[in-house]
């Protein structure tokens, strides 16, 4: 079975890397050849959210659009189309319409975020909102034979539009994301990895970290914030750019993971659609964490065993104080998290689900 996989972003984006690229090998073992074609290349993605690079970004988008039009001819050699979010980063769903309506290929739509919720880009503002074409997702849901969803909230939305859905959480390869021994010397490392768009979530708990530093010694490691400097009075901060080759090592370097989500910062439904992937990454490397119980993060793991939940600043402070002051608790919770991910979120199990979804879509086409 041949499947054409279209994504907006290259493998540097988590959605492409963990929803498509890491399944190429496992799907091949299950008799499915997945050909991955990202819209943006790595160079264009690197500067996409830098306003100073707007001229080169515009040129890159045009070139990407031309390349994507050429991908249409690959449809004649495929049994099904797998679209991760959208085939093109802007504009109406032209490619998907041609695939479904002209080439008559069954489409599986993969949603790991609530892309149907309009929001204002922190980089491009209303210009980005106009180009994004948020109604596109509803069209894709209607055209898809099946929608694979990162969590229950997204599945419920797709089903409300009449779609057949399957929930496939975003996972990691637990042979790659493995725990690493932590030394006893030096301050405890609190850590967060994200993007420029999720950094405001972390900023929302800066007052907590500032209060925490008055009574506890720790270091805060921030990866991927997209800002040159981060200053929190009294807190030692290590602020790094995100690098693909360092991703696993960065997670392994944490003693305690931070997973704040503030629904008030963006559209509340957008936050509810978050798939809780960071929680799975923390647990895979044996790191206990504190999370806001929003979206799938409220359901992943076992609160009090693998991690703590916190909503208010007081709850964040108490949970972090407990983990900072008890090394044995950190070790126990980290081990519980690792066991939980291996048992409930294995890559092989999710590959089985994805293979089943693709075969179901292709089988419906052949049957009709």
Protein backbone atom coordinates (compact mmCIF):
# COMPACT_ATOMS: atom_id res chain seq x y z
CA UNK A 1 0.00 0.00 0.00
CA UNK A 2 1.40 3.42 -0.98
CA UNK A 3 0.49 6.51 1.02
CA UNK A 4 1.44 10.12 0.25
CA UNK A 5 1.99 12.12 3.44
CA UNK A 6 1.67 15.90 3.17
CA UNK A 7 2.61 18.25 6.00
CA UNK A 8 2.94 22.00 6.37
CA UNK A 9 6.32 21.88 8.08
CA UNK A 10 9.59 19.91 7.80
CA UNK A 11 10.79 17.40 10.40
CA UNK A 12 12.02 20.21 12.65
CA UNK A 13 8.36 20.70 13.60
CA UNK A 14 7.10 18.26 16.21
CA UNK A 15 3.85 17.55 14.34
CA UNK A 16 5.70 16.37 11.24
CA UNK A 17 8.41 14.57 13.18
CA UNK A 18 6.20 12.65 15.58
CA UNK A 19 2.92 12.34 13.67
CA UNK A 20 4.43 11.32 10.31
CA UNK A 21 8.20 10.91 9.99
CA UNK A 22 8.73 8.53 12.91
CA UNK A 23 6.09 6.20 11.45
CA UNK A 24 7.83 5.69 8.10
CA UNK A 25 9.79 2.68 9.40
CA UNK A 26 7.02 1.09 11.51
CA UNK A 27 4.50 1.46 8.67
CA UNK A 28 6.94 -0.16 6.23
CA UNK A 29 7.10 -3.15 8.59
CA UNK A 30 3.31 -3.30 8.30
CA UNK A 31 3.31 -3.26 4.51
CA UNK A 32 2.65 0.47 4.01
CA UNK A 33 5.04 2.79 2.17
CA UNK A 34 4.69 6.36 3.43
CA UNK A 35 6.23 9.05 1.22
CA UNK A 36 6.59 12.28 3.18
CA UNK A 37 6.43 15.65 1.41
CA UNK A 38 6.62 18.75 3.65
CA UNK A 39 5.42 22.12 2.32
CA UNK A 40 8.21 24.23 3.84
CA UNK A 41 11.84 23.16 3.76
CA UNK A 42 14.11 23.38 6.81
CA UNK A 43 15.69 26.71 5.86
CA UNK A 44 12.33 28.43 5.39
CA UNK A 45 10.98 26.99 8.64
CA UNK A 46 13.96 28.27 10.62
CA UNK A 47 13.13 31.93 9.87
CA UNK A 48 9.35 31.60 9.48
CA UNK A 49 8.51 33.38 12.73
CA UNK A 50 11.11 36.14 12.43
CA UNK A 51 9.49 39.34 11.15
CA UNK A 52 12.83 40.69 9.94
CA UNK A 53 12.95 37.76 7.50
CA UNK A 54 9.53 38.56 5.99
CA UNK A 55 10.80 39.20 2.41
CA UNK A 56 12.66 35.89 2.27
CA UNK A 57 9.70 34.14 3.91
CA UNK A 58 7.34 35.43 1.23
CA UNK A 59 9.69 34.14 -1.47
CA UNK A 60 10.00 30.78 0.31
CA UNK A 61 6.20 30.47 0.51
CA UNK A 62 5.89 31.06 -3.23
CA UNK A 63 8.55 28.46 -4.00
CA UNK A 64 6.91 26.02 -1.60
CA UNK A 65 3.56 26.53 -3.31
CA UNK A 66 5.07 25.68 -6.70
CA UNK A 67 6.68 22.53 -5.27
CA UNK A 68 3.40 21.52 -3.70
CA UNK A 69 1.58 21.80 -7.03
CA UNK A 70 4.14 19.38 -8.47
CA UNK A 71 3.31 16.91 -5.67
CA UNK A 72 -0.18 16.53 -7.10
CA UNK A 73 1.12 14.16 -9.75
CA UNK A 74 2.33 11.76 -7.05
CA UNK A 75 -1.34 11.07 -6.28
CA UNK A 76 -1.63 8.85 -9.34
CA UNK A 77 0.83 6.45 -7.68
CA UNK A 78 -0.78 6.37 -4.23
CA UNK A 79 -3.62 4.47 -2.61
CA UNK A 80 -4.39 7.09 0.04
CA UNK A 81 -3.48 10.58 1.13
CA UNK A 82 -2.43 11.40 4.70
CA UNK A 83 -2.54 15.12 5.50
CA UNK A 84 -0.99 16.37 8.73
CA UNK A 85 -3.07 19.49 9.53
CA UNK A 86 -2.96 20.97 6.00
CA UNK A 87 -1.10 20.50 2.72
CA UNK A 88 -0.24 24.20 2.40
CA UNK A 89 0.49 26.71 5.13
CA UNK A 90 -1.78 29.39 3.70
CA UNK A 91 -4.83 29.82 1.53
CA UNK A 92 -7.77 27.53 0.74
CA UNK A 93 -7.49 23.72 0.64
CA UNK A 94 -6.73 23.53 -3.09
CA UNK A 95 -4.40 20.53 -2.95
CA UNK A 96 -6.75 18.47 -0.80
CA UNK A 97 -9.71 19.37 -3.04
CA UNK A 98 -7.84 18.20 -6.13
CA UNK A 99 -6.79 14.99 -4.38
CA UNK A 100 -10.28 14.08 -3.21
CA UNK A 101 -12.51 15.52 -5.94
CA UNK A 102 -10.36 15.14 -9.07
CA UNK A 103 -7.94 12.28 -8.36
CA UNK A 104 -10.54 10.49 -6.19
CA UNK A 105 -8.03 9.51 -3.55
CA UNK A 106 -9.27 8.79 -0.02
CA UNK A 107 -7.89 11.22 2.51
CA UNK A 108 -6.96 10.67 6.14
CA UNK A 109 -6.67 13.96 8.00
CA UNK A 110 -4.39 14.09 11.03
CA UNK A 111 -5.07 16.75 13.67
CA UNK A 112 -2.85 17.13 16.72
CA UNK A 113 -3.94 20.69 17.48
CA UNK A 114 -7.21 22.61 17.39
CA UNK A 115 -6.43 24.20 14.01
CA UNK A 116 -10.13 24.95 13.56
CA UNK A 117 -9.93 27.64 16.25
CA UNK A 118 -9.01 31.10 14.87
CA UNK A 119 -6.26 32.93 16.73
CA UNK A 120 -4.03 35.94 16.17
CA UNK A 121 -0.43 35.09 15.34
CA UNK A 122 2.00 36.66 17.85
CA UNK A 123 4.39 37.21 14.92
CA UNK A 124 2.22 38.27 11.98
CA UNK A 125 -0.95 39.47 13.71
CA UNK A 126 -4.03 40.02 11.54
CA UNK A 127 -2.02 39.43 8.34
CA UNK A 128 -1.29 35.89 9.47
CA UNK A 129 -4.91 35.40 10.48
CA UNK A 130 -6.11 36.44 7.01
CA UNK A 131 -3.69 34.13 5.18
CA UNK A 132 -4.26 31.16 7.49
CA UNK A 133 -7.80 30.46 6.22
CA UNK A 134 -9.10 28.91 9.46
CA UNK A 135 -12.28 27.55 7.81
CA UNK A 136 -10.02 25.17 5.90
CA UNK A 137 -9.97 22.60 8.69
CA UNK A 138 -13.75 22.19 8.63
CA UNK A 139 -13.60 21.53 4.87
CA UNK A 140 -10.86 18.96 5.35
CA UNK A 141 -12.83 17.21 8.08
CA UNK A 142 -15.81 16.90 5.76
CA UNK A 143 -13.73 15.54 2.90
CA UNK A 144 -11.71 13.08 4.95
CA UNK A 145 -12.66 9.41 5.03
CA UNK A 146 -11.21 9.32 8.52
CA UNK A 147 -9.69 11.82 10.96
CA UNK A 148 -6.89 10.74 13.27
CA UNK A 149 -6.91 12.95 16.37
CA UNK A 150 -4.29 13.70 18.99
CA UNK A 151 -6.84 13.73 21.81
CA UNK A 152 -10.49 13.34 22.74
CA UNK A 153 -11.38 17.06 22.47
CA UNK A 154 -10.26 17.18 18.84
CA UNK A 155 -12.08 13.93 18.10
CA UNK A 156 -15.29 15.29 19.58
CA UNK A 157 -15.06 18.38 17.39
CA UNK A 158 -14.42 16.33 14.23
CA UNK A 159 -17.31 13.99 15.09
CA UNK A 160 -19.60 17.01 15.49
CA UNK A 161 -18.86 17.71 11.83
CA UNK A 162 -19.81 14.17 10.86
CA UNK A 163 -16.36 12.63 10.70
CA UNK A 164 -15.24 9.13 11.56
CA UNK A 165 -12.37 9.47 14.02
CA UNK A 166 -9.63 7.53 15.70
CA UNK A 167 -7.58 8.87 18.60
CA UNK A 168 -3.84 8.43 18.12
CA UNK A 169 -1.85 10.31 20.78
CA UNK A 170 1.48 11.88 19.87
CA UNK A 171 4.21 9.62 21.26
CA UNK A 172 7.96 9.16 21.23
CA UNK A 173 10.15 6.14 20.57
CA UNK A 174 10.95 4.95 24.08
CA UNK A 175 14.14 3.34 22.76
CA UNK A 176 15.35 6.87 21.96
CA UNK A 177 13.74 8.86 24.79
CA UNK A 178 15.32 7.03 27.72
CA UNK A 179 16.12 8.12 31.29
CA UNK A 180 19.62 9.29 32.11
CA UNK A 181 21.22 9.16 35.57
CA UNK A 182 21.21 12.49 37.41
CA UNK A 183 24.21 13.58 39.43
CA UNK A 184 23.82 14.72 43.02
CA UNK A 185 25.98 17.83 42.64
CA UNK A 186 24.73 21.25 41.64
CA UNK A 187 21.30 22.83 41.84
CA UNK A 188 18.12 21.00 40.86
CA UNK A 189 17.25 21.71 37.22
CA UNK A 190 13.73 22.87 36.40
CA UNK A 191 13.12 22.68 32.68
CA UNK A 192 10.76 23.71 29.90
CA UNK A 193 10.93 23.11 26.13
CA UNK A 194 8.52 24.84 23.79
CA UNK A 195 8.15 27.45 21.06
CA UNK A 196 7.74 31.19 20.76
CA UNK A 197 3.95 30.72 20.77
CA UNK A 198 3.87 28.66 23.98
CA UNK A 199 6.49 30.70 25.85
CA UNK A 200 3.77 33.03 27.26
CA UNK A 201 2.44 30.00 29.15
CA UNK A 202 5.76 29.71 30.94
CA UNK A 203 5.91 33.45 31.57
CA UNK A 204 2.60 33.18 33.40
CA UNK A 205 4.32 31.24 36.22
CA UNK A 206 7.40 33.49 36.46
CA UNK A 207 6.02 35.02 39.70
CA UNK A 208 5.87 31.51 41.18
CA UNK A 209 9.48 30.81 40.21
CA UNK A 210 10.56 34.14 41.65
CA UNK A 211 8.91 33.32 45.00
CA UNK A 212 10.31 29.80 44.90
CA UNK A 213 13.86 31.11 44.51
CA UNK A 214 13.59 32.93 47.85
CA UNK A 215 13.59 29.62 49.74
CA UNK A 216 14.98 27.00 47.34
CA UNK A 217 18.08 26.71 45.21
CA UNK A 218 17.45 25.64 41.63
CA UNK A 219 18.29 26.46 38.03
CA UNK A 220 15.76 27.07 35.26
CA UNK A 221 16.55 25.78 31.76
CA UNK A 222 14.42 27.22 28.95
CA UNK A 223 14.65 25.84 25.43
CA UNK A 224 12.92 27.30 22.37
CA UNK A 225 11.38 30.48 23.81
CA UNK A 226 12.37 32.49 20.77
CA UNK A 227 13.62 35.47 22.82
CA UNK A 228 17.21 36.60 23.33
CA UNK A 229 17.06 37.14 27.09
CA UNK A 230 14.94 35.85 29.96
CA UNK A 231 15.28 37.54 33.34
CA UNK A 232 13.51 36.41 36.52
CA UNK A 233 14.74 38.16 39.69
CA UNK A 234 16.60 35.69 41.91
CA UNK A 235 16.46 32.83 39.39
CA UNK A 236 19.47 31.45 37.53
CA UNK A 237 18.25 31.00 33.94
CA UNK A 238 19.81 29.09 31.07
CA UNK A 239 18.09 30.21 27.87
CA UNK A 240 18.82 28.11 24.78
CA UNK A 241 17.65 27.96 21.19
CA UNK A 242 15.91 24.71 20.27
CA UNK A 243 18.06 22.29 18.27
CA UNK A 244 16.82 19.00 16.85
CA UNK A 245 20.06 17.17 17.53
CA UNK A 246 19.91 18.21 21.20
CA UNK A 247 16.22 17.56 21.85
CA UNK A 248 16.49 14.29 23.77
CA UNK A 249 19.51 15.42 25.78
CA UNK A 250 17.70 18.59 26.81
CA UNK A 251 14.77 16.60 28.20
CA UNK A 252 17.16 14.23 29.96
CA UNK A 253 18.95 17.15 31.64
CA UNK A 254 15.88 18.15 33.65
CA UNK A 255 15.17 17.07 37.21
CA UNK A 256 11.65 18.55 37.16
CA UNK A 257 9.60 19.37 34.08
CA UNK A 258 7.28 22.37 33.76
CA UNK A 259 4.07 22.17 31.72
CA UNK A 260 2.01 25.34 32.26
CA UNK A 261 -0.96 26.07 29.98
CA UNK A 262 -2.96 29.25 30.50
CA UNK A 263 -6.23 29.10 28.48
CA UNK A 264 -6.75 32.85 28.91
CA UNK A 265 -3.70 33.71 26.79
CA UNK A 266 -5.17 32.39 23.54
CA UNK A 267 -8.58 31.10 22.55
CA UNK A 268 -9.71 28.72 25.29
CA UNK A 269 -10.70 26.04 22.77
CA UNK A 270 -7.18 26.17 21.32
CA UNK A 271 -5.69 25.32 24.72
CA UNK A 272 -8.25 22.55 25.23
CA UNK A 273 -7.11 20.99 21.98
CA UNK A 274 -3.49 20.63 23.10
CA UNK A 275 -2.47 16.98 22.95
CA UNK A 276 -0.33 16.78 26.09
CA UNK A 277 2.77 15.68 24.20
CA UNK A 278 5.21 17.39 26.55
CA UNK A 279 3.91 15.21 29.38
CA UNK A 280 4.72 12.08 27.39
CA UNK A 281 8.21 13.38 26.64
CA UNK A 282 8.88 14.14 30.31
CA UNK A 283 7.67 10.72 31.43
CA UNK A 284 9.60 8.87 28.71
CA UNK A 285 12.91 10.19 30.08
CA UNK A 286 11.84 9.56 33.68
CA UNK A 287 11.33 13.20 34.69
CA UNK A 288 8.55 14.13 37.15
CA UNK A 289 6.66 17.25 36.18
CA UNK A 290 4.02 19.76 37.21
CA UNK A 291 1.28 20.44 34.67
CA UNK A 292 -1.79 22.58 34.29
CA UNK A 293 -4.73 20.13 33.89
CA UNK A 294 -5.85 21.58 30.53
CA UNK A 295 -6.74 19.58 27.43
CA UNK A 296 -5.13 16.16 27.17
CA UNK A 297 -2.63 17.12 29.88
CA UNK A 298 -5.46 16.54 32.36
CA UNK A 299 -5.76 12.91 31.24
CA UNK A 300 -2.20 11.79 30.51
CA UNK A 301 -0.30 10.06 33.28
CA UNK A 302 -1.57 9.59 36.83
CA UNK A 303 -1.68 12.74 38.94
CA UNK A 304 0.06 12.26 42.28
CA UNK A 305 1.97 9.25 40.94
CA UNK A 306 3.73 10.38 37.76
CA UNK A 307 3.30 14.13 38.20
CA UNK A 308 1.39 16.88 39.99
CA UNK A 309 -1.40 19.09 38.68
CA UNK A 310 -1.47 22.81 39.45
CA UNK A 311 -3.92 25.51 38.46
CA UNK A 312 -3.32 28.44 40.80
CA UNK A 313 0.02 30.03 41.68
CA UNK A 314 -0.25 28.59 45.20
CA UNK A 315 -0.71 25.09 43.78
CA UNK A 316 2.30 25.55 41.50
CA UNK A 317 4.39 26.75 44.43
CA UNK A 318 3.42 23.86 46.70
CA UNK A 319 3.98 21.20 44.04
CA UNK A 320 7.40 22.55 43.06
CA UNK A 321 8.45 22.94 46.71
CA UNK A 322 7.56 19.31 47.32
CA UNK A 323 9.58 18.04 44.37
CA UNK A 324 12.54 20.33 45.06
CA UNK A 325 12.81 19.23 48.67
CA UNK A 326 12.43 15.47 48.13
CA UNK A 327 14.95 13.77 45.78
CA UNK A 328 13.46 10.35 46.53
CA UNK A 329 10.02 11.54 45.45
CA UNK A 330 11.50 12.83 42.18
CA UNK A 331 13.09 9.44 41.53
CA UNK A 332 9.92 7.51 42.36
CA UNK A 333 7.64 9.71 40.25
CA UNK A 334 10.09 9.69 37.35
CA UNK A 335 10.23 5.88 37.35
CA UNK A 336 6.43 5.68 37.53
CA UNK A 337 6.16 8.03 34.56
CA UNK A 338 8.58 5.98 32.51
CA UNK A 339 6.63 2.79 33.22
CA UNK A 340 3.37 4.53 32.35
CA UNK A 341 4.60 5.67 28.93
CA UNK A 342 6.08 2.30 28.04
CA UNK A 343 2.82 0.57 28.97
CA UNK A 344 0.27 2.99 27.52
CA UNK A 345 1.98 5.03 24.79
CA UNK A 346 4.24 2.71 22.83
CA UNK A 347 5.22 3.62 19.28
CA UNK A 348 4.31 0.13 18.06
CA UNK A 349 0.74 0.40 19.36
CA UNK A 350 0.23 3.78 17.71
CA UNK A 351 1.73 2.47 14.45
CA UNK A 352 -0.86 -0.32 14.52
CA UNK A 353 -3.62 2.29 14.93
CA UNK A 354 -2.31 4.45 12.10
CA UNK A 355 -1.89 1.47 9.78
CA UNK A 356 -5.45 0.42 10.57
CA UNK A 357 -6.75 3.91 9.82
CA UNK A 358 -4.96 4.06 6.48
CA UNK A 359 -6.14 0.59 5.46
CA UNK A 360 -9.71 1.44 6.48
CA UNK A 361 -9.69 4.55 4.31
CA UNK A 362 -8.15 2.74 1.35
CA UNK A 363 -10.45 -0.27 1.78
CA UNK A 364 -13.54 1.94 1.73
CA UNK A 365 -12.34 3.42 -1.54
CA UNK A 366 -11.79 0.01 -3.13
CA UNK A 367 -15.10 -1.27 -1.86
CA UNK A 368 -16.94 1.68 -3.37
